[in-house]
Amino acid sequence: MGSSYYQFCPVAKAMELLDERWTLLIVRELLSGSRHFNEVRRGVPRMSPTLLSKRLQQLVRAGVVERREVGHEVHYVLTEPGRELRPVVEALAVWGTRWIGEMGDQDLDPRLLMWDMRRRIDHGAVPPSRTVVRFRFPEVPAESRDWWLLIHRNEADVCDFDPGHEVAVTVTAVLRSLVGVWRGDLTWAAALRSGDLRLQGPEPLRRSLPEWFLLMETAAVPRP
């Protein structure tokens, strides 16, 4: 638990655990389906592994997360109290979408964008064979510039190196604009018209690509 507010108010008692830096984002990742340490870490890429381990231990001690050993693997699973945080996290996401729209340059992380896009794929809309989408962000540093999204059957993975498979479509984008599309601030069509988003590949695949992605769950939240 974090520092005490020394209040009997239930909000204060809850926030002693939940308002420590990164804690609710870890819960968000577990609610989104992450189970392994490295999966959670990919959802909070700017968090140090040491701090992530510490926060997970705190959540386990608080009874919000259960640490399970499955064979040679360790899984982190939300308990009943942890699962009850879903509406809290969802409400915060809606509120943040509606009222905190401004994004600084440091908020634009291609690693988080790719990880989030990986889990919001409409597999029924993607060609049935293995499909590789390359994403390129020309303005970002070289180590974060190129990404490959591998989609096969009902699975998807992200690589920051060329996996060696044929690329179906290449997406060249201004990072801020693609984040805007993903958040629902901007449409695919508007980003394409502006030139901030360019698609290369066979025309049928270029036309259908926006339908492969379901966008963020809060993308449809009305803005003021």
C-alpha atoms as a PDB file:
ATOM      1  CA  MET A   1       0.000   0.000   0.000  1.00  0.00           C
ATOM      2  CA  GLY A   2       1.040   3.594  -0.570  1.00  0.00           C
ATOM      3  CA  SER A   3       1.124   6.409   1.932  1.00  0.00           C
ATOM      4  CA  SER A   4      -1.936   6.679   4.141  1.00  0.00           C
ATOM      5  CA  TYR A   5      -4.347   9.604   3.940  1.00  0.00           C
ATOM      6  CA  TYR A   6      -5.426   8.800   7.491  1.00  0.00           C
ATOM      7  CA  GLN A   7      -9.109   9.090   6.600  1.00  0.00           C
ATOM      8  CA  PHE A   8     -11.879   6.569   7.081  1.00  0.00           C
ATOM      9  CA  CYS A   9     -13.427   7.674   3.765  1.00  0.00           C
ATOM     10  CA  PRO A  10     -13.591   4.618   1.417  1.00  0.00           C
ATOM     11  CA  VAL A  11     -12.290   6.722  -1.479  1.00  0.00           C
ATOM     12  CA  ALA A  12      -9.215   7.625   0.563  1.00  0.00           C
ATOM     13  CA  LYS A  13      -8.641   3.995   1.559  1.00  0.00           C
ATOM     14  CA  ALA A  14      -8.951   2.823  -2.059  1.00  0.00           C
ATOM     15  CA  MET A  15      -6.594   5.513  -3.312  1.00  0.00           C
ATOM     16  CA  GLU A  16      -3.909   4.486  -0.827  1.00  0.00           C
ATOM     17  CA  LEU A  17      -3.416   1.536  -3.152  1.00  0.00           C
ATOM     18  CA  LEU A  18      -4.577   2.806  -6.511  1.00  0.00           C
ATOM     19  CA  ASP A  19      -3.132   6.299  -6.833  1.00  0.00           C
ATOM     20  CA  GLU A  20       0.500   5.195  -6.807  1.00  0.00           C
ATOM     21  CA  ARG A  21       2.156   5.861 -10.145  1.00  0.00           C
ATOM     22  CA  TRP A  22       1.452   3.169 -12.787  1.00  0.00           C
ATOM     23  CA  THR A  23      -0.820   1.043 -10.576  1.00  0.00           C
ATOM     24  CA  LEU A  24      -4.097   1.601 -12.444  1.00  0.00           C
ATOM     25  CA  LEU A  25      -2.316   1.250 -15.779  1.00  0.00           C
ATOM     26  CA  ILE A  26      -1.130  -2.198 -14.696  1.00  0.00           C
ATOM     27  CA  VAL A  27      -4.728  -3.048 -13.791  1.00  0.00           C
ATOM     28  CA  ARG A  28      -5.771  -1.738 -17.212  1.00  0.00           C
ATOM     29  CA  GLU A  29      -3.313  -4.111 -18.883  1.00  0.00           C
ATOM     30  CA  LEU A  30      -4.558  -7.099 -16.890  1.00  0.00           C
ATOM     31  CA  LEU A  31      -8.160  -6.179 -17.735  1.00  0.00           C
ATOM     32  CA  SER A  32      -7.125  -6.048 -21.402  1.00  0.00           C
ATOM     33  CA  GLY A  33      -5.891  -9.627 -21.342  1.00  0.00           C
ATOM     34  CA  SER A  34      -2.193  -9.433 -20.455  1.00  0.00           C
ATOM     35  CA  ARG A  35      -1.072 -12.289 -18.217  1.00  0.00           C
ATOM     36  CA  HIS A  36       2.709 -12.528 -18.301  1.00  0.00           C
ATOM     37  CA  PHE A  37       5.170 -10.024 -16.887  1.00  0.00           C
ATOM     38  CA  ASN A  38       6.523  -9.147 -20.332  1.00  0.00           C
ATOM     39  CA  GLU A  39       3.021  -8.682 -21.733  1.00  0.00           C
ATOM     40  CA  VAL A  40       2.163  -6.226 -18.990  1.00  0.00           C
ATOM     41  CA  ARG A  41       5.483  -4.483 -19.545  1.00  0.00           C
ATOM     42  CA  ARG A  42       4.734  -3.981 -23.242  1.00  0.00           C
ATOM     43  CA  GLY A  43       1.563  -2.153 -22.231  1.00  0.00           C
ATOM     44  CA  VAL A  44       3.555   0.188 -19.952  1.00  0.00           C
ATOM     45  CA  PRO A  45       6.759   0.470 -22.012  1.00  0.00           C
ATOM     46  CA  ARG A  46       8.179   3.444 -20.133  1.00  0.00           C
ATOM     47  CA  MET A  47       7.926   1.739 -16.748  1.00  0.00           C
ATOM     48  CA  SER A  48      11.087   0.112 -15.436  1.00  0.00           C
ATOM     49  CA  PRO A  49      10.978  -3.676 -14.904  1.00  0.00           C
ATOM     50  CA  THR A  50      12.014  -3.173 -11.270  1.00  0.00           C
ATOM     51  CA  LEU A  51       9.109  -0.831 -10.541  1.00  0.00           C
ATOM     52  CA  LEU A  52       6.669  -3.071 -12.420  1.00  0.00           C
ATOM     53  CA  SER A  53       7.738  -6.025 -10.277  1.00  0.00           C
ATOM     54  CA  LYS A  54       7.273  -3.930  -7.140  1.00  0.00           C
ATOM     55  CA  ARG A  55       3.792  -2.751  -8.148  1.00  0.00           C
ATOM     56  CA  LEU A  56       2.688  -6.285  -9.041  1.00  0.00           C
ATOM     57  CA  GLN A  57       3.866  -7.499  -5.639  1.00  0.00           C
ATOM     58  CA  GLN A  58       1.863  -4.714  -3.969  1.00  0.00           C
ATOM     59  CA  LEU A  59      -1.256  -5.698  -5.908  1.00  0.00           C
ATOM     60  CA  VAL A  60      -0.744  -9.343  -4.960  1.00  0.00           C
ATOM     61  CA  ARG A  61      -0.370  -8.465  -1.274  1.00  0.00           C
ATOM     62  CA  ALA A  62      -3.512  -6.312  -1.464  1.00  0.00           C
ATOM     63  CA  GLY A  63      -5.492  -9.243  -2.899  1.00  0.00           C
ATOM     64  CA  VAL A  64      -6.203  -7.470  -6.190  1.00  0.00           C
ATOM     65  CA  VAL A  65      -3.960  -9.757  -8.270  1.00  0.00           C
ATOM     66  CA  GLU A  66      -3.134 -13.442  -7.923  1.00  0.00           C
ATOM     67  CA  ARG A  67       0.287 -14.761  -8.903  1.00  0.00           C
ATOM     68  CA  ARG A  68      -0.038 -18.241 -10.408  1.00  0.00           C
ATOM     69  CA  GLU A  69       2.725 -20.607 -11.437  1.00  0.00           C
ATOM     70  CA  VAL A  70       1.626 -22.521 -14.529  1.00  0.00           C
ATOM     71  CA  GLY A  71       4.334 -25.016 -15.431  1.00  0.00           C
ATOM     72  CA  HIS A  72       7.459 -22.942 -15.927  1.00  0.00           C
ATOM     73  CA  GLU A  73       5.483 -19.741 -16.426  1.00  0.00           C
ATOM     74  CA  VAL A  74       4.173 -17.138 -14.012  1.00  0.00           C
ATOM     75  CA  HIS A  75       0.743 -15.677 -14.689  1.00  0.00           C
ATOM     76  CA  TYR A  76      -0.752 -12.586 -13.079  1.00  0.00           C
ATOM     77  CA  VAL A  77      -4.536 -12.780 -12.865  1.00  0.00           C
ATOM     78  CA  LEU A  78      -7.014 -10.321 -11.400  1.00  0.00           C
ATOM     79  CA  THR A  79      -8.972 -11.591  -8.412  1.00  0.00           C
ATOM     80  CA  GLU A  80     -12.625 -10.719  -7.800  1.00  0.00           C
ATOM     81  CA  PRO A  81     -11.683  -7.353  -6.198  1.00  0.00           C
ATOM     82  CA  GLY A  82      -9.403  -6.691  -9.175  1.00  0.00           C
ATOM     83  CA  ARG A  83     -12.104  -7.494 -11.716  1.00  0.00           C
ATOM     84  CA  GLU A  84     -14.461  -5.127  -9.906  1.00  0.00           C
ATOM     85  CA  LEU A  85     -12.126  -2.314 -10.958  1.00  0.00           C
ATOM     86  CA  ARG A  86     -13.213  -2.708 -14.600  1.00  0.00           C
ATOM     87  CA  PRO A  87     -16.002  -0.086 -14.457  1.00  0.00           C
ATOM     88  CA  VAL A  88     -13.646   2.264 -12.599  1.00  0.00           C
ATOM     89  CA  VAL A  89     -10.990   1.989 -15.314  1.00  0.00           C
ATOM     90  CA  GLU A  90     -13.589   2.232 -18.092  1.00  0.00           C
ATOM     91  CA  ALA A  91     -15.137   5.338 -16.527  1.00  0.00           C
ATOM     92  CA  LEU A  92     -11.705   6.972 -16.252  1.00  0.00           C
ATOM     93  CA  ALA A  93     -11.036   6.140 -19.914  1.00  0.00           C
ATOM     94  CA  VAL A  94     -14.311   7.752 -20.995  1.00  0.00           C
ATOM     95  CA  TRP A  95     -13.692  10.828 -18.832  1.00  0.00           C
ATOM     96  CA  GLY A  96     -10.122  11.191 -20.081  1.00  0.00           C
ATOM     97  CA  THR A  97     -11.234  10.869 -23.703  1.00  0.00           C
ATOM     98  CA  ARG A  98     -13.937  13.481 -23.295  1.00  0.00           C
ATOM     99  CA  TRP A  99     -12.124  16.070 -21.197  1.00  0.00           C
ATOM    100  CA  ILE A 100      -8.347  15.532 -21.517  1.00  0.00           C
ATOM    101  CA  GLY A 101      -7.820  15.728 -25.259  1.00  0.00           C
ATOM    102  CA  GLU A 102      -4.474  17.465 -25.420  1.00  0.00           C
ATOM    103  CA  MET A 103      -1.440  15.290 -26.110  1.00  0.00           C
ATOM    104  CA  GLY A 104       2.180  16.354 -25.769  1.00  0.00           C
ATOM    105  CA  ASP A 105       4.901  14.953 -28.007  1.00  0.00           C
ATOM    106  CA  GLN A 106       6.134  12.711 -25.184  1.00  0.00           C
ATOM    107  CA  ASP A 107       2.678  11.112 -24.972  1.00  0.00           C
ATOM    108  CA  LEU A 108       3.096   9.701 -28.486  1.00  0.00           C
ATOM    109  CA  ASP A 109       4.702   6.283 -28.026  1.00  0.00           C
ATOM    110  CA  PRO A 110       4.773   3.981 -31.076  1.00  0.00           C
ATOM    111  CA  ARG A 111       5.472   0.956 -28.847  1.00  0.00           C
ATOM    112  CA  LEU A 112       2.223   1.421 -26.943  1.00  0.00           C
ATOM    113  CA  LEU A 113       0.288   2.198 -30.123  1.00  0.00           C
ATOM    114  CA  MET A 114       1.444  -1.001 -31.823  1.00  0.00           C
ATOM    115  CA  TRP A 115       0.752  -3.119 -28.731  1.00  0.00           C
ATOM    116  CA  ASP A 116      -2.752  -1.671 -28.467  1.00  0.00           C
ATOM    117  CA  MET A 117      -3.494  -2.133 -32.181  1.00  0.00           C
ATOM    118  CA  ARG A 118      -2.381  -5.761 -31.916  1.00  0.00           C
ATOM    119  CA  ARG A 119      -5.215  -6.601 -29.522  1.00  0.00           C
ATOM    120  CA  ARG A 120      -7.947  -4.659 -31.336  1.00  0.00           C
ATOM    121  CA  ILE A 121      -8.005  -6.547 -34.635  1.00  0.00           C
ATOM    122  CA  ASP A 122     -11.165  -7.760 -36.357  1.00  0.00           C
ATOM    123  CA  HIS A 123      -9.772 -11.119 -37.430  1.00  0.00           C
ATOM    124  CA  GLY A 124     -12.865 -11.803 -39.511  1.00  0.00           C
ATOM    125  CA  ALA A 125     -12.005  -8.829 -41.751  1.00  0.00           C
ATOM    126  CA  VAL A 126      -8.325  -9.741 -42.304  1.00  0.00           C
ATOM    127  CA  PRO A 127      -7.371 -12.117 -45.137  1.00  0.00           C
ATOM    128  CA  PRO A 128      -7.299 -15.714 -43.823  1.00  0.00           C
ATOM    129  CA  SER A 129      -3.648 -16.297 -44.699  1.00  0.00           C
ATOM    130  CA  ARG A 130      -0.804 -14.813 -42.678  1.00  0.00           C
ATOM    131  CA  THR A 131      -0.925 -11.050 -43.167  1.00  0.00           C
ATOM    132  CA  VAL A 132       1.950  -8.724 -42.335  1.00  0.00           C
ATOM    133  CA  VAL A 133       1.449  -4.986 -42.014  1.00  0.00           C
ATOM    134  CA  ARG A 134       4.516  -2.780 -41.813  1.00  0.00           C
ATOM    135  CA  PHE A 135       4.210   0.550 -40.010  1.00  0.00           C
ATOM    136  CA  ARG A 136       6.736   3.323 -40.553  1.00  0.00           C
ATOM    137  CA  PHE A 137       6.943   6.577 -38.613  1.00  0.00           C
ATOM    138  CA  PRO A 138       9.570   8.651 -40.467  1.00  0.00           C
ATOM    139  CA  GLU A 139       9.826  11.423 -37.871  1.00  0.00           C
ATOM    140  CA  VAL A 140      10.571   9.276 -34.810  1.00  0.00           C
ATOM    141  CA  PRO A 141      14.048   8.079 -33.723  1.00  0.00           C
ATOM    142  CA  ALA A 142      15.455   5.208 -35.773  1.00  0.00           C
ATOM    143  CA  GLU A 143      15.109   2.610 -32.993  1.00  0.00           C
ATOM    144  CA  SER A 144      11.319   3.152 -32.869  1.00  0.00           C
ATOM    145  CA  ARG A 145      10.662   3.972 -36.504  1.00  0.00           C
ATOM    146  CA  ASP A 146       9.711   0.615 -38.055  1.00  0.00           C
ATOM    147  CA  TRP A 147       7.241  -1.997 -36.813  1.00  0.00           C
ATOM    148  CA  TRP A 148       5.715  -5.165 -38.216  1.00  0.00           C
ATOM    149  CA  LEU A 149       2.300  -6.475 -37.202  1.00  0.00           C
ATOM    150  CA  LEU A 150       1.890 -10.202 -37.897  1.00  0.00           C
ATOM    151  CA  ILE A 151      -1.713 -11.394 -38.113  1.00  0.00           C
ATOM    152  CA  HIS A 152      -2.507 -15.089 -38.506  1.00  0.00           C
ATOM    153  CA  ARG A 153      -5.802 -16.815 -37.756  1.00  0.00           C
ATOM    154  CA  ASN A 154      -6.966 -15.454 -34.399  1.00  0.00           C
ATOM    155  CA  GLU A 155      -3.551 -14.325 -33.205  1.00  0.00           C
ATOM    156  CA  ALA A 156      -1.372 -11.279 -33.721  1.00  0.00           C
ATOM    157  CA  ASP A 157       2.080 -10.189 -32.641  1.00  0.00           C
ATOM    158  CA  VAL A 158       4.252  -7.113 -32.979  1.00  0.00           C
ATOM    159  CA  CYS A 159       7.910  -7.060 -34.009  1.00  0.00           C
ATOM    160  CA  ASP A 160      10.351  -4.161 -33.983  1.00  0.00           C
ATOM    161  CA  PHE A 161      12.516  -6.032 -36.500  1.00  0.00           C
ATOM    162  CA  ASP A 162      11.794  -7.424 -39.953  1.00  0.00           C
ATOM    163  CA  PRO A 163      10.380 -10.945 -39.402  1.00  0.00           C
ATOM    164  CA  GLY A 164      11.254 -11.904 -42.976  1.00  0.00           C
ATOM    165  CA  HIS A 165       7.713 -12.440 -44.259  1.00  0.00           C
ATOM    166  CA  GLU A 166       6.150 -10.753 -47.273  1.00  0.00           C
ATOM    167  CA  VAL A 167       4.491  -7.456 -46.341  1.00  0.00           C
ATOM    168  CA  ALA A 168       0.870  -7.084 -47.469  1.00  0.00           C
ATOM    169  CA  VAL A 169       0.505  -3.359 -46.759  1.00  0.00           C
ATOM    170  CA  THR A 170       2.954  -0.691 -45.640  1.00  0.00           C
ATOM    171  CA  VAL A 171       1.526   2.135 -43.547  1.00  0.00           C
ATOM    172  CA  THR A 172       3.654   5.285 -43.498  1.00  0.00           C
ATOM    173  CA  ALA A 173       2.264   7.719 -40.957  1.00  0.00           C
ATOM    174  CA  VAL A 174       2.851  10.802 -38.898  1.00  0.00           C
ATOM    175  CA  LEU A 175       2.731   9.254 -35.424  1.00  0.00           C
ATOM    176  CA  ARG A 176       0.457  11.946 -33.979  1.00  0.00           C
ATOM    177  CA  SER A 177      -2.070  11.423 -36.773  1.00  0.00           C
ATOM    178  CA  LEU A 178      -2.201   7.639 -36.443  1.00  0.00           C
ATOM    179  CA  VAL A 179      -2.606   7.989 -32.671  1.00  0.00           C
ATOM    180  CA  GLY A 180      -5.433  10.433 -33.424  1.00  0.00           C
ATOM    181  CA  VAL A 181      -7.095   7.891 -35.705  1.00  0.00           C
ATOM    182  CA  TRP A 182      -6.698   5.186 -33.060  1.00  0.00           C
ATOM    183  CA  ARG A 183      -8.221   7.381 -30.351  1.00  0.00           C
ATOM    184  CA  GLY A 184     -11.133   8.403 -32.586  1.00  0.00           C
ATOM    185  CA  ASP A 185     -10.027  12.036 -32.860  1.00  0.00           C
ATOM    186  CA  LEU A 186      -9.477  11.671 -36.600  1.00  0.00           C
ATOM    187  CA  THR A 187     -10.917   9.394 -39.272  1.00  0.00           C
ATOM    188  CA  TRP A 188      -8.862   7.138 -41.504  1.00  0.00           C
ATOM    189  CA  ALA A 189     -10.228   9.026 -44.515  1.00  0.00           C
ATOM    190  CA  ALA A 190      -9.213  12.428 -43.116  1.00  0.00           C
ATOM    191  CA  ALA A 191      -5.701  11.206 -42.287  1.00  0.00           C
ATOM    192  CA  LEU A 192      -5.310   9.793 -45.789  1.00  0.00           C
ATOM    193  CA  ARG A 193      -6.594  12.980 -47.439  1.00  0.00           C
ATOM    194  CA  SER A 194      -4.154  15.095 -45.432  1.00  0.00           C
ATOM    195  CA  GLY A 195      -1.199  12.990 -46.523  1.00  0.00           C
ATOM    196  CA  ASP A 196      -0.282  12.219 -42.914  1.00  0.00           C
ATOM    197  CA  LEU A 197      -1.155   8.592 -43.624  1.00  0.00           C
ATOM    198  CA  ARG A 198      -0.075   6.715 -46.756  1.00  0.00           C
ATOM    199  CA  LEU A 199      -0.761   3.091 -47.680  1.00  0.00           C
ATOM    200  CA  GLN A 200       1.291   0.991 -50.081  1.00  0.00           C
ATOM    201  CA  GLY A 201       0.192  -2.403 -51.356  1.00  0.00           C
ATOM    202  CA  PRO A 202      -2.441  -4.018 -53.582  1.00  0.00           C
ATOM    203  CA  GLU A 203      -5.519  -1.802 -53.906  1.00  0.00           C
ATOM    204  CA  PRO A 204      -8.007  -4.306 -52.381  1.00  0.00           C
ATOM    205  CA  LEU A 205      -5.848  -4.569 -49.263  1.00  0.00           C
ATOM    206  CA  ARG A 206      -5.331  -0.810 -49.034  1.00  0.00           C
ATOM    207  CA  ARG A 207      -9.079  -0.244 -49.210  1.00  0.00           C
ATOM    208  CA  SER A 208      -9.917  -2.867 -46.592  1.00  0.00           C
ATOM    209  CA  LEU A 209      -7.131  -2.153 -44.099  1.00  0.00           C
ATOM    210  CA  PRO A 210      -9.092   0.362 -41.961  1.00  0.00           C
ATOM    211  CA  GLU A 211     -11.713  -2.342 -41.413  1.00  0.00           C
ATOM    212  CA  TRP A 212      -9.091  -4.665 -39.914  1.00  0.00           C
ATOM    213  CA  PHE A 213      -8.821  -2.522 -36.787  1.00  0.00           C
ATOM    214  CA  LEU A 214     -11.549  -1.859 -34.228  1.00  0.00           C
ATOM    215  CA  LEU A 215      -9.931   1.316 -32.774  1.00  0.00           C
ATOM    216  CA  MET A 216      -9.803   2.051 -29.059  1.00  0.00           C
ATOM    217  CA  GLU A 217     -12.874   1.113 -27.065  1.00  0.00           C
ATOM    218  CA  THR A 218     -13.380   4.808 -26.252  1.00  0.00           C
ATOM    219  CA  ALA A 219     -13.006   6.012 -29.837  1.00  0.00           C
ATOM    220  CA  ALA A 220     -16.738   6.678 -30.167  1.00  0.00           C
ATOM    221  CA  VAL A 221     -16.992   8.734 -26.957  1.00  0.00           C
ATOM    222  CA  PRO A 222     -18.476  12.167 -27.826  1.00  0.00           C
ATOM    223  CA  ARG A 223     -16.124  15.111 -27.357  1.00  0.00           C
ATOM    224  CA  PRO A 224     -17.328  18.497 -26.093  1.00  0.00           C
END
